[in-house]
Amino acid sequence: MKRVIIYCEGASEEKFINEILAPALWPFDVFITATSFGGVSKYSIIRKNLQNLCRSDDTVLVTTMLDYYGLPQDTPGYKDSQEKSNDIYTCVEYVECEMRKDIGEDNFLPNLIMHEYEALLFSDVQAFSYCDMTEKQIDELSAVRQAYLTPEHINNSPNTAPSKRILQVCNNYDKVLDGYNVAKNIGLEMMRKNCRHFDEWVSELENAV
């Protein structure tokens, strides 16, 4: 069995990893645990934590589930990533590559969520009915989804990031509990079908053994 530690941003991601992603990887003989640090502050802290995790046991794969949208400005490659290409996938992969070089540990696999975890929930907006949203609210979220090529393209400004879009439609939305219910009813397969970068990361975890 291969052990994997996912360094994630907060309670929403931790619940998703432990209760949805981890069980899906058990058949692949991969055992996942999440460690949350309660938000992003400085890259130097992220770097120190990741290196400590990697060095504490080099048989464990350490990976990340961090929002590209919320990365500190001093994250390697972040400032100039958007100058490299207009393609968001190229931008994100560039930052991941720079992080891998900066962390410098063989058992480190960088992964950034485009643009944040809540984007995955736009894989099937009908699932928001499981957190008691009205048909009108779901139609509003559907309009957001239809305006972008994929959920991963829903953009990353302070007012238009995926989580902000949801809260604008439903201001009492609970990111942890409601987010879990929506994700559970969407299912991992649908998320992977709609979110290419996320799918590639999960595939790497499936083959981690």
Protein backbone atom coordinates (compact mmCIF):
# COMPACT_ATOMS: atom_id res chain seq x y z
CA MET A 1 0.00 0.00 0.00
CA LYS A 2 1.22 3.48 -0.88
CA ARG A 3 0.70 6.22 1.69
CA VAL A 4 -0.15 9.70 0.44
CA ILE A 5 -0.41 12.92 2.44
CA ILE A 6 -2.38 15.74 0.83
CA TYR A 7 -1.46 19.17 2.13
CA CYS A 8 -4.65 21.19 1.74
CA GLU A 9 -6.02 24.61 2.47
CA GLY A 10 -8.91 24.22 4.88
CA ALA A 11 -11.84 22.29 6.30
CA SER A 12 -13.76 22.05 2.99
CA GLU A 13 -10.87 20.41 1.20
CA GLU A 14 -10.03 18.18 4.17
CA LYS A 15 -13.56 16.80 4.32
CA PHE A 16 -13.61 16.23 0.56
CA ILE A 17 -10.28 14.38 0.69
CA ASN A 18 -11.07 12.20 3.69
CA GLU A 19 -14.66 11.30 2.82
CA ILE A 20 -14.80 11.31 -0.98
CA LEU A 21 -11.34 11.11 -2.54
CA ALA A 22 -9.65 8.74 -0.09
CA PRO A 23 -12.28 5.95 -0.27
CA ALA A 24 -12.14 6.10 -4.08
CA LEU A 25 -8.40 5.35 -3.97
CA TRP A 26 -8.58 2.35 -1.62
CA PRO A 27 -9.15 -0.12 -4.50
CA PHE A 28 -5.85 1.14 -5.98
CA ASP A 29 -4.03 0.25 -2.75
CA VAL A 30 -3.44 3.93 -2.02
CA PHE A 31 -4.09 5.23 1.50
CA ILE A 32 -4.66 8.99 1.69
CA THR A 33 -4.69 11.32 4.67
CA ALA A 34 -5.26 15.07 4.61
CA THR A 35 -3.43 17.69 6.60
CA SER A 36 -4.91 21.17 6.67
CA PHE A 37 -3.17 24.40 7.59
CA GLY A 38 -6.21 26.67 7.77
CA GLY A 39 -5.58 29.05 4.88
CA VAL A 40 -2.72 30.54 2.93
CA SER A 41 -0.41 33.19 4.36
CA LYS A 42 3.19 33.11 3.18
CA TYR A 43 4.83 30.77 0.72
CA SER A 44 7.78 30.41 3.09
CA ILE A 45 5.42 28.68 5.55
CA ILE A 46 4.02 26.42 2.84
CA ARG A 47 7.56 25.55 1.73
CA LYS A 48 8.72 24.72 5.26
CA ASN A 49 5.67 22.56 5.97
CA LEU A 50 5.96 20.64 2.70
CA GLN A 51 9.67 19.99 3.12
CA ASN A 52 9.11 18.78 6.69
CA LEU A 53 6.38 16.39 5.52
CA CYS A 54 8.56 15.04 2.71
CA ARG A 55 11.60 14.57 4.90
CA SER A 56 9.76 12.96 7.79
CA ASP A 57 9.22 9.80 5.70
CA ASP A 58 10.58 9.49 2.18
CA THR A 59 8.35 6.47 1.47
CA VAL A 60 5.26 8.70 1.67
CA LEU A 61 4.10 10.70 -1.34
CA VAL A 62 3.37 14.30 -0.37
CA THR A 63 1.06 16.25 -2.65
CA THR A 64 -1.04 19.39 -2.44
CA MET A 65 -4.61 20.53 -2.97
CA LEU A 66 -4.08 24.28 -3.00
CA ASP A 67 -6.15 26.90 -4.79
CA TYR A 68 -4.32 28.59 -7.65
CA TYR A 69 -6.57 31.60 -6.98
CA GLY A 70 -5.38 32.03 -3.41
CA LEU A 71 -1.65 31.40 -3.69
CA PRO A 72 0.69 33.92 -2.04
CA GLN A 73 2.27 36.31 -4.53
CA ASP A 74 5.75 35.02 -3.66
CA THR A 75 4.95 31.44 -4.73
CA PRO A 76 7.59 30.38 -7.30
CA GLY A 77 6.40 31.15 -10.82
CA TYR A 78 3.11 32.70 -9.70
CA LYS A 79 3.72 36.32 -10.69
CA ASP A 80 4.98 35.54 -14.16
CA SER A 81 2.79 32.49 -14.85
CA GLN A 82 0.14 34.48 -16.70
CA GLU A 83 2.81 36.08 -18.88
CA LYS A 84 3.80 32.65 -20.13
CA SER A 85 0.51 31.88 -21.83
CA ASN A 86 -3.16 32.81 -22.09
CA ASP A 87 -3.99 29.15 -21.46
CA ILE A 88 -4.87 28.59 -17.82
CA TYR A 89 -3.66 25.00 -17.88
CA THR A 90 -0.23 26.13 -19.05
CA CYS A 91 -0.13 28.78 -16.31
CA VAL A 92 -1.00 26.36 -13.54
CA GLU A 93 1.38 23.66 -14.76
CA TYR A 94 4.18 26.22 -14.90
CA VAL A 95 3.66 27.16 -11.23
CA GLU A 96 3.52 23.49 -10.26
CA CYS A 97 6.80 22.87 -12.06
CA GLU A 98 8.45 25.81 -10.28
CA MET A 99 7.14 24.61 -6.92
CA ARG A 100 8.51 21.12 -7.55
CA LYS A 101 11.96 22.57 -8.25
CA ASP A 102 11.81 24.84 -5.22
CA ILE A 103 10.72 22.16 -2.74
CA GLY A 104 13.39 19.87 -4.15
CA GLU A 105 12.15 16.56 -2.70
CA ASP A 106 11.75 13.39 -4.79
CA ASN A 107 8.54 12.39 -2.98
CA PHE A 108 6.76 15.70 -3.66
CA LEU A 109 3.96 16.00 -6.24
CA PRO A 110 2.64 19.57 -6.58
CA ASN A 111 -1.01 20.04 -7.47
CA LEU A 112 -3.03 23.24 -7.76
CA ILE A 113 -6.81 23.38 -8.06
CA MET A 114 -8.10 25.64 -10.84
CA HIS A 115 -9.06 28.14 -9.63
CA GLU A 116 -10.26 26.83 -6.30
CA TYR A 117 -11.93 23.75 -4.81
CA GLU A 118 -15.47 25.07 -5.38
CA ALA A 119 -14.90 24.98 -9.14
CA LEU A 120 -15.28 21.19 -8.96
CA LEU A 121 -18.84 21.68 -7.74
CA PHE A 122 -19.78 23.31 -11.05
CA SER A 123 -19.33 19.90 -12.69
CA ASP A 124 -23.05 19.35 -12.10
CA VAL A 125 -24.93 22.36 -10.74
CA GLN A 126 -28.12 20.29 -10.28
CA ALA A 127 -26.42 18.76 -7.25
CA PHE A 128 -26.85 22.07 -5.43
CA SER A 129 -30.44 20.97 -4.85
CA TYR A 130 -28.99 18.79 -2.07
CA CYS A 131 -28.25 21.93 -0.06
CA ASP A 132 -31.79 23.26 -0.49
CA MET A 133 -31.16 25.79 -3.22
CA THR A 134 -34.20 26.84 -5.20
CA GLU A 135 -34.66 26.14 -8.88
CA LYS A 136 -34.03 29.83 -9.59
CA GLN A 137 -30.72 29.73 -7.72
CA ILE A 138 -29.65 26.59 -9.56
CA ASP A 139 -30.52 28.27 -12.86
CA GLU A 140 -28.25 31.18 -11.89
CA LEU A 141 -25.38 28.79 -11.18
CA SER A 142 -26.10 26.97 -14.43
CA ALA A 143 -25.74 30.25 -16.31
CA VAL A 144 -22.32 30.74 -14.73
CA ARG A 145 -21.24 27.25 -15.72
CA GLN A 146 -22.45 27.66 -19.30
CA ALA A 147 -20.44 30.87 -19.67
CA TYR A 148 -17.14 28.97 -19.34
CA LEU A 149 -15.50 26.20 -21.29
CA THR A 150 -15.07 24.02 -18.19
CA PRO A 151 -15.53 24.45 -14.42
CA GLU A 152 -11.78 24.94 -14.20
CA HIS A 153 -12.05 28.07 -16.35
CA ILE A 154 -14.39 29.92 -13.95
CA ASN A 155 -12.19 32.88 -13.21
CA ASN A 156 -10.19 34.01 -10.25
CA SER A 157 -10.84 37.62 -9.31
CA PRO A 158 -11.93 38.41 -5.74
CA ASN A 159 -15.53 38.84 -6.89
CA THR A 160 -15.84 36.10 -9.49
CA ALA A 161 -13.99 33.09 -8.11
CA PRO A 162 -16.22 29.98 -7.92
CA SER A 163 -16.93 30.25 -4.19
CA LYS A 164 -17.85 33.92 -4.57
CA ARG A 165 -20.25 33.02 -7.38
CA ILE A 166 -22.00 30.51 -5.13
CA LEU A 167 -22.25 32.93 -2.22
CA GLN A 168 -23.65 35.65 -4.48
CA VAL A 169 -26.48 33.26 -5.37
CA CYS A 170 -26.96 31.85 -1.87
CA ASN A 171 -25.46 33.88 0.97
CA ASN A 172 -26.17 31.24 3.62
CA TYR A 173 -24.24 28.55 1.73
CA ASP A 174 -21.98 26.59 4.10
CA LYS A 175 -18.71 25.86 2.35
CA VAL A 176 -17.95 22.78 4.46
CA LEU A 177 -21.27 21.03 5.01
CA ASP A 178 -23.12 22.14 1.90
CA GLY A 179 -19.98 21.75 -0.18
CA TYR A 180 -19.61 18.16 0.99
CA ASN A 181 -23.24 17.30 0.21
CA VAL A 182 -22.96 18.77 -3.27
CA ALA A 183 -19.63 17.03 -3.97
CA LYS A 184 -20.94 13.69 -2.69
CA ASN A 185 -23.94 13.83 -4.99
CA ILE A 186 -21.90 14.92 -8.00
CA GLY A 187 -19.43 12.10 -7.52
CA LEU A 188 -15.77 11.89 -8.37
CA GLU A 189 -16.36 10.45 -11.83
CA MET A 190 -18.37 13.47 -12.99
CA MET A 191 -15.77 15.87 -11.58
CA ARG A 192 -13.00 14.07 -13.41
CA LYS A 193 -14.99 14.09 -16.64
CA ASN A 194 -15.43 17.87 -16.48
CA CYS A 195 -12.13 18.97 -14.92
CA ARG A 196 -9.09 17.86 -16.90
CA HIS A 197 -6.39 19.04 -14.53
CA PHE A 198 -8.11 17.52 -11.51
CA ASP A 199 -8.53 14.25 -13.41
CA GLU A 200 -4.81 14.14 -14.27
CA TRP A 201 -3.90 14.57 -10.61
CA VAL A 202 -6.26 11.80 -9.47
CA SER A 203 -4.79 9.53 -12.16
CA GLU A 204 -1.31 10.15 -10.77
CA LEU A 205 -2.55 9.22 -7.29
CA GLU A 206 -4.14 6.02 -8.64
CA ASN A 207 -0.76 5.05 -10.06
CA ALA A 208 1.25 6.10 -7.02
CA VAL A 209 1.96 2.54 -5.83
